[in-house]
Every structure is written in C-alpha cells, then in structure tokens.
Amino acid sequence: MRSYDVVIVGGGPAGRTIVHTLHEHHAGLSIAVIKDEAINVNRCAVPYGINAEDPIEKFQIPNKLVSDFGAELIVESVERLDPKGKTVTLASGETIGYDKLVLATGARPFVPPIEGIESENITFVRSLADLERLRQLAAKSREVVILGGGYIGVEVAVVLKDMGLSVSLVEMQPTILGGTAEPELTEVLLAAMMEHGIHLHTERRVVKFLDNGAVELNNGSEVPGDFVVVAAGVRPDISLAEAAGLNVSKHGVVVDDHMRSVSHPDIYACGDCAQGISFFTGLPVPSEFGTNAVFMGRVVAANIMGQDRSFPGVINACVSAVFDWSFGTAGLTEAAAIAAGQDVVCGFSQVLDRYPMMHDVSDVHTKLVFARGNGRLLGGSVVRKGLGTALAVDFISFACQMRATIDDLLAFQYATHPELAAKPSDDAFLFAAKDADRKRRQE
C-alpha cells in the first residue's frame, strides 16, 4: 500500500497552496494530491473564457503547479475515507495511507429541482467541461437565459452581451447581487445592465426549462432563449466527509480555528468544502471565494509543519465588474450585520475619482458599515467607473481585520494626485466615516 505523510483530496487553490507552502519551507514531507479532473480550469475565469478569441488552454490550471513542487499527482476519484484506518480508497480499488489528510474537495453547482433541468440546452459555470459547452452553445446561439443574479450570473450576462447575444437574466430576489452588495450601490449596476440591453426579470422564479432553450416563469410568462446558463450558486462538496462520519453542516466540514476537523485531529478541511466562520460574528457563513481557500490553505500548511497557526475567520472580500463599472464588498453588508444582531450606523460618500478639472472625471460611491457602540468597521462597499475598486475593497478588508474604527478612518493619512485620486479634502473613506460619525452623534 502506498502511504504519504500528507494526502490532499482536491486540486483547487487550497490544495495547491498547501503544496507550495510545504515546498517553500522545505518541510521534507511526502505529499500526494488526488483530484478527479484531468485538467482543472480557473473557476473564477470561466465567464471570461466563453469568448473563443483566446485558446481554452489559457484558462486551464497546469498540473505542473502540483507536480513541480514536490507532490505526486494522482488523477482519480476518491470513493471512500477511513478515518480510523487513516486511508483513502480510490475508484480503482487502491487504498492509500496517510498521516495527515486534507479535504479540499471544493463545491458543486447547485442544481435546482426544476422540471426540464436535464435538457441538453442547459449548462453550468464551473468545470472545464462547462466552459467547453458554454463556448459551443454561445457560438451557435442568438439568445440566452441566465438563471441567477449573483457574481457569476452577472459576469456571464455581461460577457455574452458583449459577444452579441440577446441576454435575459432571471433572479428570485428583488435585485441582483443581493447577498454581497448594498442596494444603494447596485442601482448604478442595474442601470448599466439595462442601458446595454440586458433584460432583467427580478422577483421571478423559473418553474420549467423548455426543450427549445426558453424558460417558463412563475407568473406564467415565457422568456425566450436558445440555451440556459444556470448560475444559482454552489454547495460544499462534503459527500466523502459525510459518508466517513465527519461532522458537517450546510456550510461544509466543521473545523476548529486550526482548520482541523472537529471529528478527527489528523484530518483538515479548507476551501469551499470547509465551514467558514465569520471574522465578525463567529457564526458559520458562506465563504466560496478562491482567496478564502488560499488563506485557509496557508493555515493548514503551517499547522502540518507544527507552527500552531489559527485562521481568524472570513471577511469575504470580493470584487467584480459590469461593463464600465467595477464594484466590490468586504465584511458585512448592512443587512447582514443587522441580521447578526449588530446595532449599526452607516456612512455614505460620493466623491470624484480625480481632481474636478481633469478629463473623464467620474464618481466613486462608497458605503461603510460601523458598529454604533464602539464605532468598529464591520464592512464596506464601493462602486466606481474603471478598474480601481479592488484596491479600495482590499483597504476595507484590511481595516476590518485591524479592527479599525470611525475615529481611525477620520485620522488616517492618504495620497492624492490630480490624475489618480480625489482632491486632498475629498477622500471617499474619510467622507463616509464623517457621515457615519455625524449620524451617530445626532442619534
């Protein structure tokens, strides 16, 4: 029987991060990575690979990112885990032993229980096979229906519209991006989508997928399409863990702050398959972002090497784009904070992205969410023209991680330049903090 010091099940960013970290620190451990996809795709980039102008190989993750860093790569499905015997059994029947096991099995697309879901005109947005199918369907179609108004659904809608298709998007919630963006800021994005001709059907449910690629909605209307893209979210892939008797929840494998399974100390879980804990509330939250997988993977690797590292909880910093606009959020939205029992005060700002006398000046919209009592920053969102939102969201994330307060933001020092930033008095975060401070004092 083959046996390794570390066996990692899953070939995504969490598993690769562990391999790279152990290699970087010369840990001297034998490592096997077992994955069931011959070639992985960069899942976040799938929407941007639909346009076949770029070769599909550009969106693939080379296997050498595992095999060139001291790990043996095994491309096969794992059928069973035996935590007591410390083995995994492959689909071929081979049994492999381990000292430490890492579950990095990721997530699977949610398949809604809707009549007609098995139609050949329906595809998801997750794997390399999905990307190949999306390319084929987009190339021969004139119109498409997208189910789901989250990040992936919106990104696919924009890409397909830019490719010349007629695009309809169906979302059950009152607005798009409802789980990760502030409603005051999504109005700008909704307007941009409608201006570009995307047909939005909010507060509507698909009740039937039709054979011709159209869908039927719960109000009886039919939305035409040649094919349907289902982007209704993902669910943690916990089937192996659950069958092995590990403690799991709807958010994933239940782990401690060292990313160890609470059921077995020699089994770790990280990435989409692990239950994320909010940095702010200590409660389980969805955490299906590649960056979270990387952060968790680093913690797992450190603990495998005996460094006693804790994961502080997820902040869920995320960004995306809609045509000319970029947007993003870090931490809790106002609704999420209130749902978690927080008494909050919010600050808004709308400032120019550069000095007013410069050409092509546009607005930056910012909302920050603070705890009313101690003024601690709980989260924030930004929408602006161009591609500068990621740096702003990173700042919000770091400020949250450092437990910054209203007073800290009122005093922080920033740069300014006529072409690159707002004029000296008009920093977006400063103005949003001032707005929140004023409201807190008035109330």
Protein backbone atom coordinates (compact mmCIF):
# COMPACT_ATOMS: atom_id res chain seq x y z
CA MET A 1 0.00 0.00 0.00
CA ARG A 2 1.27 3.43 -0.93
CA SER A 3 1.43 5.81 2.01
CA TYR A 4 2.23 9.52 2.36
CA ASP A 5 2.82 11.99 5.13
CA VAL A 6 0.16 14.26 3.62
CA VAL A 7 -2.67 13.31 1.29
CA ILE A 8 -4.69 16.17 -0.22
CA VAL A 9 -8.02 15.36 -1.86
CA GLY A 10 -8.75 18.12 -4.35
CA GLY A 11 -6.76 20.05 -6.93
CA GLY A 12 -8.03 23.61 -6.42
CA PRO A 13 -6.36 26.68 -4.92
CA ALA A 14 -6.48 25.37 -1.33
CA GLY A 15 -4.64 22.16 -2.19
CA ARG A 16 -2.11 23.90 -4.43
CA THR A 17 -1.40 26.49 -1.73
CA ILE A 18 -0.60 23.75 0.77
CA VAL A 19 1.76 22.06 -1.68
CA HIS A 20 3.54 25.33 -2.48
CA THR A 21 3.83 26.34 1.17
CA LEU A 22 5.27 23.00 2.26
CA HIS A 23 7.68 23.12 -0.67
CA GLU A 24 8.75 26.68 0.13
CA HIS A 25 9.54 25.74 3.73
CA HIS A 26 11.41 22.56 2.75
CA ALA A 27 9.14 20.55 5.01
CA GLY A 28 10.57 17.26 3.78
CA LEU A 29 7.17 15.56 3.71
CA SER A 30 5.88 13.07 1.18
CA ILE A 31 2.73 14.54 -0.39
CA ALA A 32 0.06 13.19 -2.73
CA VAL A 33 -2.62 15.31 -4.39
CA ILE A 34 -5.63 13.31 -5.57
CA LYS A 35 -8.08 15.02 -7.91
CA ASP A 36 -10.85 13.77 -10.17
CA GLU A 37 -10.37 16.27 -13.03
CA ALA A 38 -7.59 15.56 -15.51
CA ILE A 39 -7.17 19.30 -16.06
CA ASN A 40 -8.61 21.95 -13.75
CA VAL A 41 -9.99 25.23 -15.01
CA ASN A 42 -9.56 28.58 -13.28
CA ARG A 43 -13.13 28.64 -11.99
CA CYS A 44 -13.27 32.40 -11.41
CA ALA A 45 -12.20 32.98 -15.01
CA VAL A 46 -14.76 30.67 -16.66
CA PRO A 47 -17.13 33.51 -17.63
CA TYR A 48 -14.26 35.33 -19.35
CA GLY A 49 -13.25 32.24 -21.29
CA ILE A 50 -16.59 31.87 -23.08
CA ASN A 51 -15.43 34.11 -25.91
CA ALA A 52 -13.32 31.77 -28.03
CA GLU A 53 -10.96 34.54 -29.16
CA ASP A 54 -8.49 33.15 -26.60
CA PRO A 55 -7.40 29.50 -26.62
CA ILE A 56 -9.11 27.46 -23.93
CA GLU A 57 -5.70 26.40 -22.58
CA LYS A 58 -5.29 29.94 -21.29
CA PHE A 59 -8.00 29.23 -18.70
CA GLN A 60 -6.61 25.89 -17.54
CA ILE A 61 -4.53 25.23 -14.43
CA PRO A 62 -1.37 23.30 -15.41
CA ASN A 63 -0.78 20.11 -13.47
CA LYS A 64 2.86 21.11 -13.11
CA LEU A 65 1.73 23.58 -10.43
CA VAL A 66 1.40 20.45 -8.30
CA SER A 67 3.94 18.04 -9.75
CA ASP A 68 6.78 20.59 -9.99
CA PHE A 69 6.51 21.40 -6.29
CA GLY A 70 7.35 18.08 -4.70
CA ALA A 71 3.93 16.40 -4.71
CA GLU A 72 2.81 13.28 -6.52
CA LEU A 73 -0.33 13.88 -8.59
CA ILE A 74 -2.95 11.13 -8.74
CA VAL A 75 -5.81 11.78 -11.17
CA GLU A 76 -8.61 9.57 -9.92
CA SER A 77 -11.78 9.78 -7.86
CA VAL A 78 -11.72 9.01 -4.14
CA GLU A 79 -14.51 6.60 -3.28
CA ARG A 80 -14.14 6.29 0.48
CA LEU A 81 -12.35 7.65 3.55
CA ASP A 82 -11.42 5.55 6.57
CA PRO A 83 -10.52 7.99 9.39
CA LYS A 84 -9.78 5.18 11.86
CA GLY A 85 -7.54 3.26 9.49
CA LYS A 86 -6.15 6.54 8.08
CA THR A 87 -6.65 5.53 4.46
CA VAL A 88 -8.44 6.69 1.36
CA THR A 89 -9.78 4.28 -1.26
CA LEU A 90 -9.67 5.21 -4.93
CA ALA A 91 -12.22 4.32 -7.60
CA SER A 92 -9.75 1.73 -8.90
CA GLY A 93 -9.91 -0.01 -5.53
CA GLU A 94 -6.41 1.02 -4.47
CA THR A 95 -6.02 2.03 -0.84
CA ILE A 96 -3.64 4.84 0.08
CA GLY A 97 -2.45 5.58 3.61
CA TYR A 98 -1.81 8.94 5.19
CA ASP A 99 -0.53 10.56 8.35
CA LYS A 100 -2.40 13.82 7.72
CA LEU A 101 -5.40 14.10 5.38
CA VAL A 102 -6.59 17.38 3.85
CA LEU A 103 -10.06 17.62 2.34
CA ALA A 104 -10.06 20.33 -0.31
CA THR A 105 -12.90 18.95 -2.40
CA GLY A 106 -14.39 22.34 -3.22
CA ALA A 107 -18.02 22.86 -4.14
CA ARG A 108 -20.52 21.66 -6.71
CA PRO A 109 -23.00 23.80 -8.65
CA PHE A 110 -26.46 23.88 -7.12
CA VAL A 111 -28.84 22.01 -9.41
CA PRO A 112 -32.31 23.49 -8.87
CA PRO A 113 -35.13 20.91 -8.75
CA ILE A 114 -36.94 22.35 -11.73
CA GLU A 115 -38.74 20.43 -14.46
CA GLY A 116 -36.54 20.07 -17.54
CA ILE A 117 -33.22 20.55 -15.73
CA GLU A 118 -31.75 17.61 -17.67
CA SER A 119 -32.23 19.38 -21.01
CA GLU A 120 -29.21 19.40 -23.32
CA ASN A 121 -29.69 23.15 -23.69
CA ILE A 122 -28.69 23.78 -20.05
CA THR A 123 -25.17 24.29 -18.77
CA PHE A 124 -23.44 25.36 -15.55
CA VAL A 125 -20.38 27.56 -14.93
CA ARG A 126 -17.83 25.53 -13.00
CA SER A 127 -15.63 23.00 -14.79
CA LEU A 128 -13.53 22.80 -17.94
CA ALA A 129 -16.33 20.74 -19.50
CA ASP A 130 -18.76 23.54 -18.63
CA LEU A 131 -16.50 26.08 -20.34
CA GLU A 132 -16.25 23.93 -23.45
CA ARG A 133 -20.04 23.57 -23.50
CA LEU A 134 -20.55 27.31 -22.98
CA ARG A 135 -18.29 28.05 -25.93
CA GLN A 136 -20.20 25.64 -28.15
CA LEU A 137 -23.64 26.94 -27.19
CA ALA A 138 -22.70 30.63 -27.38
CA ALA A 139 -21.15 30.20 -30.83
CA LYS A 140 -24.35 28.83 -32.36
CA SER A 141 -26.98 30.81 -30.42
CA ARG A 142 -28.65 34.20 -30.70
CA GLU A 143 -30.26 34.48 -27.27
CA VAL A 144 -29.66 33.10 -23.80
CA VAL A 145 -31.38 32.95 -20.42
CA ILE A 146 -29.27 33.14 -17.27
CA LEU A 147 -30.64 31.80 -14.02
CA GLY A 148 -29.10 33.62 -11.05
CA GLY A 149 -28.12 37.23 -10.42
CA GLY A 150 -25.04 36.71 -8.26
CA TYR A 151 -21.47 37.44 -9.29
CA ILE A 152 -21.18 34.56 -11.79
CA GLY A 153 -24.58 35.11 -13.39
CA VAL A 154 -23.92 38.83 -13.84
CA GLU A 155 -20.42 38.22 -15.25
CA VAL A 156 -21.74 35.66 -17.75
CA ALA A 157 -24.51 38.07 -18.75
CA VAL A 158 -22.02 40.85 -19.50
CA VAL A 159 -19.68 38.58 -21.48
CA LEU A 160 -22.46 37.08 -23.60
CA LYS A 161 -23.96 40.51 -24.25
CA ASP A 162 -20.57 41.76 -25.40
CA MET A 163 -20.46 38.75 -27.74
CA GLY A 164 -23.66 39.95 -29.40
CA LEU A 165 -26.25 37.66 -27.84
CA SER A 166 -29.63 38.78 -26.56
CA VAL A 167 -29.41 38.18 -22.80
CA SER A 168 -32.17 37.70 -20.23
CA LEU A 169 -31.35 37.26 -16.53
CA VAL A 170 -33.79 35.80 -14.01
CA GLU A 171 -33.28 36.44 -10.28
CA MET A 172 -35.59 35.42 -7.43
CA GLN A 173 -34.57 38.32 -5.20
CA PRO A 174 -35.76 41.94 -5.64
CA THR A 175 -32.39 42.91 -7.11
CA ILE A 176 -29.17 41.42 -8.42
CA LEU A 177 -26.15 40.79 -6.18
CA GLY A 178 -28.43 40.89 -3.15
CA GLY A 179 -26.22 38.73 -0.95
CA THR A 180 -22.97 40.60 -1.44
CA ALA A 181 -23.73 44.20 -2.42
CA GLU A 182 -25.53 47.14 -0.88
CA PRO A 183 -28.86 48.00 -2.57
CA GLU A 184 -28.00 51.71 -2.69
CA LEU A 185 -24.97 50.91 -4.83
CA THR A 186 -26.44 48.20 -7.07
CA GLU A 187 -28.81 50.77 -8.62
CA VAL A 188 -25.85 52.01 -10.69
CA LEU A 189 -25.11 48.48 -11.88
CA LEU A 190 -28.74 47.74 -12.71
CA ALA A 191 -28.89 50.89 -14.79
CA ALA A 192 -25.71 49.91 -16.65
CA MET A 193 -27.08 46.46 -17.45
CA MET A 194 -30.37 47.83 -18.73
CA GLU A 195 -28.61 50.52 -20.76
CA HIS A 196 -26.67 47.75 -22.51
CA GLY A 197 -29.87 45.88 -23.31
CA ILE A 198 -29.82 43.06 -20.76
CA HIS A 199 -33.37 42.03 -19.89
CA LEU A 200 -33.74 41.70 -16.12
CA HIS A 201 -36.52 39.61 -14.54
CA THR A 202 -36.20 40.17 -10.79
CA GLU A 203 -38.53 38.66 -8.18
CA ARG A 204 -39.25 35.86 -10.62
CA ARG A 205 -38.67 32.11 -10.43
CA VAL A 206 -38.07 29.66 -13.24
CA VAL A 207 -40.64 26.88 -12.92
CA LYS A 208 -39.82 24.97 -16.09
CA PHE A 209 -36.98 24.63 -18.58
CA LEU A 210 -38.37 24.17 -22.09
CA ASP A 211 -36.78 21.93 -24.69
CA ASN A 212 -36.12 24.81 -27.08
CA GLY A 213 -33.88 26.66 -24.59
CA ALA A 214 -36.55 29.00 -23.24
CA VAL A 215 -37.85 29.07 -19.66
CA GLU A 216 -41.26 29.47 -18.06
CA LEU A 217 -41.56 31.82 -15.09
CA ASN A 218 -43.82 31.61 -12.05
CA ASN A 219 -46.04 34.38 -13.45
CA GLY A 220 -46.83 32.25 -16.49
CA SER A 221 -44.66 34.19 -18.92
CA GLU A 222 -42.06 32.62 -21.16
CA VAL A 223 -38.55 34.02 -21.59
CA PRO A 224 -37.06 33.08 -24.98
CA GLY A 225 -33.62 31.58 -25.29
CA ASP A 226 -31.59 29.11 -27.31
CA PHE A 227 -29.88 27.85 -24.15
CA VAL A 228 -29.84 28.41 -20.39
CA VAL A 229 -26.90 29.11 -18.09
CA VAL A 230 -27.60 28.04 -14.51
CA ALA A 231 -25.63 30.15 -12.05
CA ALA A 232 -27.68 29.52 -8.93
CA GLY A 233 -24.77 29.20 -6.54
CA VAL A 234 -22.75 26.28 -5.23
CA ARG A 235 -22.90 23.84 -2.35
CA PRO A 236 -19.90 22.44 -0.42
CA ASP A 237 -18.81 19.04 -1.71
CA ILE A 238 -18.98 17.17 1.59
CA SER A 239 -20.12 13.76 0.33
CA LEU A 240 -16.88 11.97 1.25
CA ALA A 241 -16.69 13.62 4.67
CA GLU A 242 -20.33 12.91 5.45
CA ALA A 243 -20.07 9.25 4.41
CA ALA A 244 -17.00 8.90 6.64
CA GLY A 245 -18.92 10.19 9.66
CA LEU A 246 -17.22 13.57 9.96
CA ASN A 247 -19.14 16.44 11.50
CA VAL A 248 -20.60 18.52 8.65
CA SER A 249 -23.13 21.32 8.21
CA LYS A 250 -24.76 23.02 5.23
CA HIS A 251 -21.68 25.27 5.13
CA GLY A 252 -19.17 22.41 4.92
CA VAL A 253 -16.94 20.22 7.06
CA VAL A 254 -16.98 21.59 10.61
CA VAL A 255 -13.45 22.61 11.60
CA ASP A 256 -11.73 24.34 14.51
CA ASP A 257 -9.71 27.55 14.21
CA HIS A 258 -6.70 25.50 13.05
CA MET A 259 -8.80 24.13 10.14
CA ARG A 260 -8.83 20.65 11.71
CA SER A 261 -11.96 18.58 11.53
CA VAL A 262 -13.62 18.64 14.94
CA SER A 263 -14.18 14.90 14.45
CA HIS A 264 -10.61 13.80 13.71
CA PRO A 265 -7.48 15.85 14.57
CA ASP A 266 -5.46 14.33 11.71
CA ILE A 267 -7.99 15.46 9.09
CA TYR A 268 -8.04 19.05 7.88
CA ALA A 269 -10.54 20.76 5.59
CA CYS A 270 -10.09 24.02 3.70
CA GLY A 271 -11.56 25.95 0.81
CA ASP A 272 -15.16 25.69 -0.34
CA CYS A 273 -15.73 22.35 1.39
CA ALA A 274 -14.86 23.73 4.84
CA GLN A 275 -17.34 25.57 7.04
CA GLY A 276 -16.34 29.23 7.10
CA ILE A 277 -16.67 31.23 10.30
CA SER A 278 -17.33 34.97 10.14
CA PHE A 279 -14.47 37.16 11.34
CA PHE A 280 -17.08 39.49 12.85
CA THR A 281 -19.68 37.25 14.46
CA GLY A 282 -18.02 33.85 14.92
CA LEU A 283 -21.02 32.28 13.18
CA PRO A 284 -20.95 29.96 10.13
CA VAL A 285 -21.18 31.82 6.83
CA PRO A 286 -20.81 31.02 3.12
CA SER A 287 -17.19 31.56 2.07
CA GLU A 288 -16.88 30.31 -1.51
CA PHE A 289 -14.12 32.61 -2.73
CA GLY A 290 -10.73 31.49 -4.03
CA THR A 291 -8.92 33.87 -1.71
CA ASN A 292 -10.52 32.23 1.33
CA ALA A 293 -9.26 28.88 0.05
CA VAL A 294 -5.73 30.29 -0.19
CA PHE A 295 -5.86 31.82 3.30
CA MET A 296 -7.15 28.57 4.78
CA GLY A 297 -4.57 26.53 2.88
CA ARG A 298 -1.74 28.56 4.38
CA VAL A 299 -3.07 27.90 7.86
CA VAL A 300 -3.35 24.17 7.17
CA ALA A 301 0.20 24.01 5.84
CA ALA A 302 1.54 25.89 8.87
CA ASN A 303 -0.18 23.53 11.28
CA ILE A 304 1.01 20.45 9.40
CA MET A 305 4.51 21.82 9.99
CA GLY A 306 3.75 22.29 13.70
CA GLN A 307 3.57 26.09 13.71
CA ASP A 308 0.29 26.41 15.69
CA ARG A 309 -1.46 28.83 13.32
CA SER A 310 -5.10 29.95 13.70
CA PHE A 311 -7.47 31.19 10.99
CA PRO A 312 -9.19 34.39 12.16
CA GLY A 313 -12.40 33.93 10.19
CA VAL A 314 -13.58 35.03 6.77
CA ILE A 315 -14.03 38.66 5.74
CA ASN A 316 -15.19 37.70 2.23
CA ALA A 317 -13.57 40.50 0.26
CA CYS A 318 -14.85 40.26 -3.31
CA VAL A 319 -14.91 42.35 -6.48
CA SER A 320 -16.32 42.15 -9.99
CA ALA A 321 -17.28 44.33 -12.94
CA VAL A 322 -20.33 45.26 -15.02
CA PHE A 323 -19.34 46.84 -18.32
CA ASP A 324 -17.54 50.10 -17.43
CA TRP A 325 -18.25 49.80 -13.70
CA SER A 326 -16.34 47.85 -11.07
CA PHE A 327 -17.74 47.05 -7.64
CA GLY A 328 -16.98 45.09 -4.52
CA THR A 329 -17.58 44.46 -0.84
CA ALA A 330 -15.57 43.38 2.18
CA GLY A 331 -17.02 42.36 5.51
CA LEU A 332 -20.69 42.60 6.42
CA THR A 333 -23.32 44.43 4.44
CA GLU A 334 -25.77 46.48 6.46
CA ALA A 335 -28.43 43.77 6.11
CA ALA A 336 -26.02 41.00 7.16
CA ALA A 337 -24.85 43.00 10.18
CA ILE A 338 -28.41 43.66 11.34
CA ALA A 339 -29.31 40.00 10.80
CA ALA A 340 -26.38 39.09 13.06
CA GLY A 341 -27.79 41.30 15.81
CA GLN A 342 -25.49 44.27 15.33
CA ASP A 343 -26.67 47.84 16.01
CA VAL A 344 -25.11 49.69 13.10
CA VAL A 345 -24.61 53.15 11.70
CA CYS A 346 -23.71 53.59 8.02
CA GLY A 347 -21.79 56.29 6.22
CA PHE A 348 -22.02 57.18 2.54
CA SER A 349 -19.78 59.17 0.26
CA GLN A 350 -19.84 60.15 -3.37
CA VAL A 351 -16.60 61.79 -4.47
CA LEU A 352 -14.82 62.32 -7.77
CA ASP A 353 -12.14 59.83 -8.69
CA ARG A 354 -9.69 62.64 -9.55
CA TYR A 355 -9.44 66.41 -9.38
CA PRO A 356 -12.54 68.11 -10.87
CA MET A 357 -10.59 69.99 -13.55
CA MET A 358 -9.23 66.76 -15.07
CA HIS A 359 -10.74 64.97 -18.08
CA ASP A 360 -13.08 61.96 -17.77
CA VAL A 361 -13.88 62.56 -14.12
CA SER A 362 -16.45 60.17 -12.62
CA ASP A 363 -17.99 59.36 -9.25
CA VAL A 364 -16.85 56.87 -6.63
CA HIS A 365 -19.72 55.59 -4.47
CA THR A 366 -18.80 54.21 -1.04
CA LYS A 367 -20.81 52.82 1.87
CA LEU A 368 -19.24 51.84 5.19
CA VAL A 369 -20.96 49.91 7.97
CA PHE A 370 -19.92 50.52 11.59
CA ALA A 371 -20.98 49.16 14.97
CA ARG A 372 -22.82 52.03 16.61
CA GLY A 373 -21.44 51.49 20.10
CA ASN A 374 -17.67 51.23 19.64
CA GLY A 375 -17.53 52.54 16.08
CA ARG A 376 -15.76 49.44 14.77
CA LEU A 377 -15.77 48.99 10.99
CA LEU A 378 -17.85 45.94 10.06
CA GLY A 379 -17.76 46.21 6.28
CA GLY A 380 -17.96 48.39 3.25
CA SER A 381 -18.84 48.52 -0.44
CA VAL A 382 -17.55 50.52 -3.39
CA VAL A 383 -18.84 51.14 -6.93
CA ARG A 384 -16.92 53.21 -9.45
CA LYS A 385 -16.08 53.57 -13.13
CA GLY A 386 -12.96 51.78 -14.24
CA LEU A 387 -10.96 49.03 -12.60
CA GLY A 388 -9.87 50.64 -9.34
CA THR A 389 -12.34 49.03 -6.96
CA ALA A 390 -10.19 46.06 -5.93
CA LEU A 391 -7.65 48.24 -4.12
CA ALA A 392 -10.42 50.09 -2.29
CA VAL A 393 -12.02 46.80 -1.19
CA ASP A 394 -8.64 45.50 -0.09
CA PHE A 395 -8.26 48.59 2.09
CA ILE A 396 -11.69 48.00 3.64
CA SER A 397 -10.82 44.35 4.28
CA PHE A 398 -7.53 45.23 5.96
CA ALA A 399 -9.18 47.96 8.04
CA CYS A 400 -11.76 45.42 9.19
CA GLN A 401 -9.04 42.90 10.01
CA MET A 402 -7.20 45.54 12.05
CA ARG A 403 -10.48 46.38 13.83
CA ALA A 404 -10.34 50.00 12.68
CA THR A 405 -12.99 52.40 13.96
CA ILE A 406 -14.69 55.57 12.77
CA ASP A 407 -12.06 57.58 14.64
CA ASP A 408 -9.25 55.67 12.92
CA LEU A 409 -10.66 56.46 9.48
CA LEU A 410 -11.17 60.09 10.41
CA ALA A 411 -7.45 60.29 11.16
CA PHE A 412 -5.88 58.03 8.54
CA GLN A 413 -3.42 59.53 6.02
CA TYR A 414 -3.83 59.02 2.30
CA ALA A 415 -2.32 60.05 -1.04
CA THR A 416 -3.68 62.47 -3.60
CA HIS A 417 -2.86 63.36 -7.20
CA PRO A 418 -4.83 65.20 -9.92
CA GLU A 419 -4.93 62.19 -12.29
CA LEU A 420 -5.01 59.37 -9.75
CA ALA A 421 -7.14 60.33 -6.75
CA ALA A 422 -9.67 62.74 -5.33
CA LYS A 423 -8.58 66.20 -4.29
CA PRO A 424 -6.93 66.37 -0.84
CA SER A 425 -10.08 67.15 1.14
CA ASP A 426 -12.34 64.57 -0.53
CA ASP A 427 -11.15 61.05 0.31
CA ALA A 428 -14.02 58.55 -0.10
CA PHE A 429 -13.36 56.70 3.18
CA LEU A 430 -12.88 59.91 5.14
CA PHE A 431 -16.18 61.32 3.87
CA ALA A 432 -18.04 58.08 4.59
CA ALA A 433 -16.60 57.98 8.12
CA LYS A 434 -17.59 61.63 8.64
CA ASP A 435 -21.14 60.82 7.51
CA ALA A 436 -21.39 57.89 9.93
CA ASP A 437 -19.89 59.94 12.78
CA ARG A 438 -22.39 62.75 12.19
CA LYS A 439 -25.32 60.31 12.23
CA ARG A 440 -24.04 58.61 15.38
CA ARG A 441 -23.76 61.94 17.18
CA GLN A 442 -27.19 63.11 16.06
CA GLU A 443 -28.92 59.95 17.14
